[in-house]
Structures are given as C-alpha cells and as structure tokens.
Amino acid sequence: MIPEWAWALLQPYVRKRLEARRAAPTPAAILDELGAIWPGLSVVLMVQEPWMSTIRFKRLARLQAGEMRPFLEAPEGYLAERFGGGKFKVNFHHGMHFVATKNFKPAGPPRWQDFPELEE
C-alpha cells in the first residue's frame, strides 16, 4: 500500500503513461502500471543549504524502490531521525525520468551538515 501523500505525487505520472499508450485509466490498469514502474522508482533526498550568497540542494541519499518503505510511511520522522532538521526536497524518479517533488521541513538540529554529498 502506498501512502496517500506519495500516491498523489505518483498518480499523474502513472496516468500519463497509460494515456501515452491510449490505455483506459481503469483501476486495474492503474494498479498494473504502478506495478510495472515500481522496480524502477527511486527517491533522491536533498537538503537546502546556503551557498555563495544563494542556496543549493545538497544530495544526501538515493533510495531505490525496495528501500523506500520506511521513508514513505513516515517521511518527516525518517528525515529527522537520519539527517536532523532542515528544509528537505524529495524528488521521485522513474529511471532517468523526473516524476514529482515534495518538500519537508522537520524540526531539529541540522545533522545533515556532517554528511558527505551523494555523488551522482
């Protein structure tokens, strides 16, 4: 089961893929399409940090489909427990395709500053 907040982000992408194939977006077709794309889904966790009089997003982690469950079930708690507080941006990808983004702002000290940036 996908949490409602995540489904709201993924559903337009799933429907768009069905429409591109001229397939009717029936509940069964949507579920089948989600099952087809799920193995290729990932999320990139980033945090906003000051950088040269502006901001940038430091990449902290990439979670593949099989690793996402704890994050999807409690995103703010997951971020706060691992990285502390801050302004986080989470990007969903399917393979190389951008799917959606969502921002989170858990409270707490910014422990993410001690983490190295994830190389792409």
N, C-alpha and C. Protein backbone atom coordinates (compact mmCIF):
# COMPACT_ATOMS: atom_id res chain seq x y z
N MET A 1 0.84 -1.18 0.00
CA MET A 1 0.00 0.00 0.00
C MET A 1 0.89 1.25 0.00
N ILE A 2 0.59 2.18 -0.87
CA ILE A 2 1.34 3.43 -0.96
C ILE A 2 0.60 4.49 -0.15
N PRO A 3 1.30 5.21 0.72
CA PRO A 3 0.64 6.28 1.48
C PRO A 3 0.01 7.31 0.54
N GLU A 4 -1.07 7.89 1.01
CA GLU A 4 -1.83 8.85 0.19
C GLU A 4 -0.98 10.00 -0.33
N TRP A 5 -0.07 10.52 0.52
CA TRP A 5 0.75 11.66 0.09
C TRP A 5 1.64 11.28 -1.10
N ALA A 6 2.16 10.05 -1.09
CA ALA A 6 3.03 9.61 -2.18
C ALA A 6 2.20 9.28 -3.43
N TRP A 7 1.04 8.68 -3.24
CA TRP A 7 0.20 8.35 -4.39
C TRP A 7 -0.24 9.63 -5.12
N ALA A 8 -0.50 10.69 -4.37
CA ALA A 8 -0.88 11.96 -5.01
C ALA A 8 0.22 12.47 -5.93
N LEU A 9 1.47 12.15 -5.63
CA LEU A 9 2.60 12.55 -6.48
C LEU A 9 2.80 11.60 -7.65
N LEU A 10 2.58 10.31 -7.43
CA LEU A 10 2.85 9.31 -8.46
C LEU A 10 1.71 9.14 -9.46
N GLN A 11 0.48 9.36 -9.01
CA GLN A 11 -0.69 9.09 -9.86
C GLN A 11 -0.66 9.85 -11.20
N PRO A 12 -0.33 11.13 -11.25
CA PRO A 12 -0.31 11.80 -12.56
C PRO A 12 0.69 11.15 -13.53
N TYR A 13 1.82 10.70 -13.04
CA TYR A 13 2.82 10.05 -13.89
C TYR A 13 2.28 8.72 -14.42
N VAL A 14 1.65 7.95 -13.54
CA VAL A 14 1.08 6.66 -13.94
C VAL A 14 -0.01 6.88 -15.01
N ARG A 15 -0.89 7.85 -14.76
CA ARG A 15 -1.96 8.13 -15.73
C ARG A 15 -1.39 8.61 -17.07
N LYS A 16 -0.37 9.45 -17.02
CA LYS A 16 0.24 9.96 -18.24
C LYS A 16 0.83 8.82 -19.08
N ARG A 17 1.45 7.86 -18.42
CA ARG A 17 2.00 6.70 -19.14
C ARG A 17 0.89 5.89 -19.80
N LEU A 18 -0.22 5.73 -19.11
CA LEU A 18 -1.35 5.00 -19.69
C LEU A 18 -1.93 5.76 -20.88
N GLU A 19 -2.09 7.06 -20.72
CA GLU A 19 -2.63 7.89 -21.81
C GLU A 19 -1.71 7.86 -23.03
N ALA A 20 -0.41 7.83 -22.83
CA ALA A 20 0.53 7.79 -23.94
C ALA A 20 0.36 6.51 -24.76
N ARG A 21 -0.09 5.45 -24.10
CA ARG A 21 -0.34 4.18 -24.80
C ARG A 21 -1.80 4.06 -25.23
N ARG A 22 -2.57 5.13 -24.99
CA ARG A 22 -4.00 5.13 -25.29
C ARG A 22 -4.76 4.03 -24.55
N ALA A 23 -4.30 3.74 -23.35
CA ALA A 23 -4.95 2.74 -22.49
C ALA A 23 -5.89 3.45 -21.53
N ALA A 24 -7.04 2.87 -21.33
CA ALA A 24 -8.02 3.46 -20.41
C ALA A 24 -7.48 3.39 -18.98
N PRO A 25 -7.58 4.50 -18.24
CA PRO A 25 -7.06 4.51 -16.86
C PRO A 25 -8.03 3.86 -15.86
N THR A 26 -8.35 2.60 -16.09
CA THR A 26 -9.22 1.87 -15.16
C THR A 26 -8.42 1.58 -13.88
N PRO A 27 -9.11 1.31 -12.79
CA PRO A 27 -8.37 0.97 -11.56
C PRO A 27 -7.40 -0.20 -11.76
N ALA A 28 -7.81 -1.20 -12.52
CA ALA A 28 -6.92 -2.35 -12.76
C ALA A 28 -5.70 -1.94 -13.59
N ALA A 29 -5.92 -1.11 -14.61
CA ALA A 29 -4.82 -0.66 -15.46
C ALA A 29 -3.84 0.21 -14.67
N ILE A 30 -4.37 1.07 -13.80
CA ILE A 30 -3.52 1.94 -12.97
C ILE A 30 -2.66 1.08 -12.03
N LEU A 31 -3.28 0.10 -11.40
CA LEU A 31 -2.55 -0.78 -10.50
C LEU A 31 -1.48 -1.57 -11.25
N ASP A 32 -1.82 -2.08 -12.43
CA ASP A 32 -0.84 -2.82 -13.25
C ASP A 32 0.33 -1.92 -13.65
N GLU A 33 0.02 -0.68 -14.05
CA GLU A 33 1.08 0.24 -14.46
C GLU A 33 1.98 0.60 -13.29
N LEU A 34 1.39 0.82 -12.13
CA LEU A 34 2.19 1.11 -10.94
C LEU A 34 3.11 -0.07 -10.64
N GLY A 35 2.59 -1.27 -10.75
CA GLY A 35 3.42 -2.45 -10.53
C GLY A 35 4.55 -2.56 -11.54
N ALA A 36 4.29 -2.12 -12.76
CA ALA A 36 5.32 -2.18 -13.81
C ALA A 36 6.43 -1.17 -13.58
N ILE A 37 6.08 0.03 -13.10
CA ILE A 37 7.11 1.05 -12.92
C ILE A 37 7.80 0.97 -11.56
N TRP A 38 7.16 0.34 -10.58
CA TRP A 38 7.68 0.35 -9.21
C TRP A 38 9.15 -0.05 -9.11
N PRO A 39 9.59 -1.14 -9.76
CA PRO A 39 11.01 -1.52 -9.61
C PRO A 39 11.99 -0.44 -10.08
N GLY A 40 11.56 0.44 -10.97
CA GLY A 40 12.43 1.49 -11.49
C GLY A 40 12.33 2.81 -10.76
N LEU A 41 11.49 2.88 -9.71
CA LEU A 41 11.32 4.12 -8.96
C LEU A 41 12.44 4.32 -7.95
N SER A 42 12.78 5.57 -7.72
CA SER A 42 13.73 5.93 -6.67
C SER A 42 13.35 7.31 -6.15
N VAL A 43 13.85 7.64 -4.97
CA VAL A 43 13.71 8.99 -4.44
C VAL A 43 15.10 9.51 -4.09
N VAL A 44 15.31 10.77 -4.39
CA VAL A 44 16.55 11.44 -4.03
C VAL A 44 16.22 12.42 -2.91
N LEU A 45 16.92 12.28 -1.80
CA LEU A 45 16.71 13.15 -0.64
C LEU A 45 17.78 14.24 -0.67
N MET A 46 17.32 15.49 -0.67
CA MET A 46 18.22 16.63 -0.72
C MET A 46 17.85 17.62 0.38
N VAL A 47 18.80 18.44 0.76
CA VAL A 47 18.55 19.46 1.77
C VAL A 47 19.03 20.80 1.23
N GLN A 48 18.28 21.83 1.55
CA GLN A 48 18.65 23.19 1.13
C GLN A 48 19.76 23.69 2.05
N GLU A 49 20.82 24.22 1.43
CA GLU A 49 21.89 24.79 2.24
C GLU A 49 22.37 26.09 1.60
N PRO A 50 22.82 27.04 2.44
CA PRO A 50 23.37 28.29 1.90
C PRO A 50 24.62 27.98 1.08
N TRP A 51 24.79 28.72 0.00
CA TRP A 51 25.95 28.50 -0.86
C TRP A 51 26.21 29.77 -1.66
N MET A 52 27.35 30.40 -1.45
CA MET A 52 27.80 31.57 -2.21
C MET A 52 26.70 32.62 -2.41
N SER A 53 26.16 33.13 -1.36
CA SER A 53 25.12 34.17 -1.38
C SER A 53 23.80 33.71 -1.99
N THR A 54 23.60 32.41 -2.11
CA THR A 54 22.34 31.87 -2.62
C THR A 54 22.09 30.54 -1.89
N ILE A 55 21.33 29.66 -2.47
CA ILE A 55 21.13 28.33 -1.88
C ILE A 55 21.41 27.28 -2.95
N ARG A 56 21.63 26.08 -2.47
CA ARG A 56 21.74 24.93 -3.36
C ARG A 56 21.13 23.75 -2.63
N PHE A 57 20.93 22.65 -3.34
CA PHE A 57 20.39 21.45 -2.72
C PHE A 57 21.47 20.39 -2.68
N LYS A 58 21.85 20.04 -1.47
CA LYS A 58 22.88 19.01 -1.24
C LYS A 58 22.19 17.64 -1.29
N ARG A 59 22.66 16.75 -2.15
CA ARG A 59 22.10 15.41 -2.26
C ARG A 59 22.64 14.56 -1.11
N LEU A 60 21.71 13.97 -0.35
CA LEU A 60 22.10 13.18 0.82
C LEU A 60 21.97 11.68 0.59
N ALA A 61 20.94 11.27 -0.14
CA ALA A 61 20.72 9.83 -0.32
C ALA A 61 19.81 9.58 -1.52
N ARG A 62 19.95 8.38 -2.07
CA ARG A 62 19.03 7.89 -3.10
C ARG A 62 18.50 6.56 -2.60
N LEU A 63 17.18 6.47 -2.51
CA LEU A 63 16.53 5.23 -2.07
C LEU A 63 15.88 4.57 -3.28
N GLN A 64 16.22 3.32 -3.51
CA GLN A 64 15.59 2.56 -4.58
C GLN A 64 14.24 2.04 -4.09
N ALA A 65 13.43 1.52 -5.00
CA ALA A 65 12.07 1.08 -4.67
C ALA A 65 12.03 0.17 -3.45
N GLY A 66 12.93 -0.78 -3.37
CA GLY A 66 12.93 -1.72 -2.26
C GLY A 66 13.37 -1.13 -0.93
N GLU A 67 13.91 0.07 -0.94
CA GLU A 67 14.40 0.73 0.27
C GLU A 67 13.48 1.85 0.75
N MET A 68 12.45 2.15 0.00
CA MET A 68 11.63 3.34 0.27
C MET A 68 10.61 3.21 1.38
N ARG A 69 10.18 2.01 1.71
CA ARG A 69 9.04 1.82 2.63
C ARG A 69 9.15 2.65 3.91
N PRO A 70 10.26 2.58 4.67
CA PRO A 70 10.32 3.38 5.91
C PRO A 70 10.16 4.88 5.65
N PHE A 71 10.75 5.36 4.56
CA PHE A 71 10.61 6.78 4.23
C PHE A 71 9.17 7.12 3.87
N LEU A 72 8.54 6.30 3.01
CA LEU A 72 7.18 6.58 2.57
C LEU A 72 6.19 6.57 3.73
N GLU A 73 6.40 5.68 4.70
CA GLU A 73 5.46 5.56 5.81
C GLU A 73 5.53 6.74 6.79
N ALA A 74 6.70 7.34 6.95
CA ALA A 74 6.86 8.46 7.89
C ALA A 74 7.98 9.38 7.41
N PRO A 75 7.73 10.16 6.36
CA PRO A 75 8.82 10.94 5.76
C PRO A 75 9.49 11.94 6.71
N GLU A 76 8.72 12.69 7.47
CA GLU A 76 9.33 13.68 8.36
C GLU A 76 10.15 13.00 9.45
N GLY A 77 9.63 11.92 10.01
CA GLY A 77 10.36 11.19 11.04
C GLY A 77 11.63 10.56 10.48
N TYR A 78 11.54 10.02 9.27
CA TYR A 78 12.69 9.40 8.62
C TYR A 78 13.80 10.44 8.42
N LEU A 79 13.42 11.60 7.89
CA LEU A 79 14.40 12.65 7.65
C LEU A 79 15.00 13.17 8.96
N ALA A 80 14.15 13.43 9.95
CA ALA A 80 14.62 13.97 11.23
C ALA A 80 15.55 12.98 11.94
N GLU A 81 15.18 11.70 11.92
CA GLU A 81 15.98 10.69 12.61
C GLU A 81 17.37 10.52 11.99
N ARG A 82 17.43 10.58 10.66
CA ARG A 82 18.71 10.33 9.98
C ARG A 82 19.54 11.59 9.76
N PHE A 83 18.85 12.69 9.43
CA PHE A 83 19.57 13.89 8.99
C PHE A 83 19.34 15.12 9.86
N GLY A 84 18.42 15.03 10.82
CA GLY A 84 18.10 16.19 11.64
C GLY A 84 17.12 17.12 10.95
N GLY A 85 17.09 18.35 11.41
CA GLY A 85 16.14 19.32 10.87
C GLY A 85 16.68 20.05 9.66
N GLY A 86 15.77 20.70 8.95
CA GLY A 86 16.15 21.47 7.78
C GLY A 86 15.04 21.53 6.76
N LYS A 87 15.36 22.11 5.62
CA LYS A 87 14.41 22.22 4.51
C LYS A 87 14.82 21.18 3.47
N PHE A 88 14.04 20.11 3.38
CA PHE A 88 14.37 18.99 2.52
C PHE A 88 13.51 18.98 1.26
N LYS A 89 14.11 18.58 0.18
CA LYS A 89 13.41 18.38 -1.09
C LYS A 89 13.58 16.92 -1.45
N VAL A 90 12.47 16.28 -1.81
CA VAL A 90 12.48 14.88 -2.19
C VAL A 90 12.01 14.78 -3.63
N ASN A 91 12.85 14.24 -4.49
CA ASN A 91 12.50 14.06 -5.90
C ASN A 91 12.28 12.59 -6.19
N PHE A 92 11.14 12.28 -6.79
CA PHE A 92 10.85 10.93 -7.26
C PHE A 92 11.31 10.83 -8.70
N HIS A 93 11.94 9.71 -9.04
CA HIS A 93 12.40 9.44 -10.40
C HIS A 93 11.96 8.04 -10.81
N HIS A 94 11.70 7.88 -12.09
CA HIS A 94 11.49 6.56 -12.68
C HIS A 94 12.59 6.40 -13.71
N GLY A 95 13.59 5.59 -13.36
CA GLY A 95 14.77 5.53 -14.22
C GLY A 95 15.40 6.91 -14.24
N MET A 96 15.59 7.44 -15.44
CA MET A 96 16.17 8.78 -15.60
C MET A 96 15.11 9.89 -15.66
N HIS A 97 13.83 9.51 -15.59
CA HIS A 97 12.74 10.48 -15.73
C HIS A 97 12.34 11.06 -14.38
N PHE A 98 12.25 12.38 -14.33
CA PHE A 98 11.74 13.06 -13.14
C PHE A 98 10.24 12.82 -13.07
N VAL A 99 9.74 12.47 -11.89
CA VAL A 99 8.31 12.19 -11.71
C VAL A 99 7.62 13.30 -10.92
N ALA A 100 8.15 13.62 -9.75
CA ALA A 100 7.49 14.61 -8.88
C ALA A 100 8.45 15.02 -7.77
N THR A 101 8.08 16.10 -7.09
CA THR A 101 8.87 16.58 -5.96
C THR A 101 7.96 16.96 -4.80
N LYS A 102 8.50 16.89 -3.61
CA LYS A 102 7.77 17.31 -2.40
C LYS A 102 8.79 17.84 -1.41
N ASN A 103 8.39 18.87 -0.68
CA ASN A 103 9.26 19.48 0.33
C ASN A 103 8.81 19.08 1.73
N PHE A 104 9.77 18.93 2.62
CA PHE A 104 9.51 18.62 4.03
C PHE A 104 10.40 19.53 4.88
N LYS A 105 9.92 19.84 6.10
CA LYS A 105 10.69 20.71 6.98
C LYS A 105 10.63 20.18 8.42
N PRO A 106 11.34 19.06 8.68
CA PRO A 106 11.34 18.56 10.05
C PRO A 106 12.16 19.47 10.97
N ALA A 107 11.74 19.54 12.22
CA ALA A 107 12.44 20.36 13.21
C ALA A 107 13.63 19.59 13.77
N GLY A 108 14.56 20.32 14.33
CA GLY A 108 15.70 19.70 14.99
C GLY A 108 17.01 20.29 14.51
N PRO A 109 18.07 19.90 15.16
CA PRO A 109 19.39 20.39 14.75
C PRO A 109 19.77 19.81 13.39
N PRO A 110 20.46 20.57 12.57
CA PRO A 110 20.81 20.13 11.21
C PRO A 110 22.01 19.18 11.19
N ARG A 111 21.77 17.91 11.50
CA ARG A 111 22.86 16.92 11.49
C ARG A 111 23.33 16.59 10.08
N TRP A 112 22.56 16.95 9.09
CA TRP A 112 22.92 16.67 7.69
C TRP A 112 24.21 17.36 7.29
N GLN A 113 24.61 18.40 8.00
CA GLN A 113 25.82 19.13 7.65
C GLN A 113 27.06 18.24 7.75
N ASP A 114 26.99 17.20 8.55
CA ASP A 114 28.12 16.28 8.72
C ASP A 114 28.18 15.19 7.64
N PHE A 115 27.14 15.10 6.82
CA PHE A 115 27.08 14.06 5.79
C PHE A 115 27.77 14.52 4.52
N PRO A 116 28.50 13.63 3.86
CA PRO A 116 29.08 14.00 2.55
C PRO A 116 27.97 14.07 1.50
N GLU A 117 28.21 14.83 0.47
CA GLU A 117 27.22 14.92 -0.60
C GLU A 117 27.26 13.63 -1.44
N LEU A 118 26.08 13.14 -1.76
CA LEU A 118 25.95 11.95 -2.61
C LEU A 118 26.42 12.28 -4.01
N GLU A 119 27.29 11.47 -4.54
CA GLU A 119 27.75 11.65 -5.93
C GLU A 119 26.71 11.07 -6.87
N GLU A 120 26.46 11.75 -7.97
CA GLU A 120 25.50 11.24 -8.96
C GLU A 120 26.17 10.36 -9.95
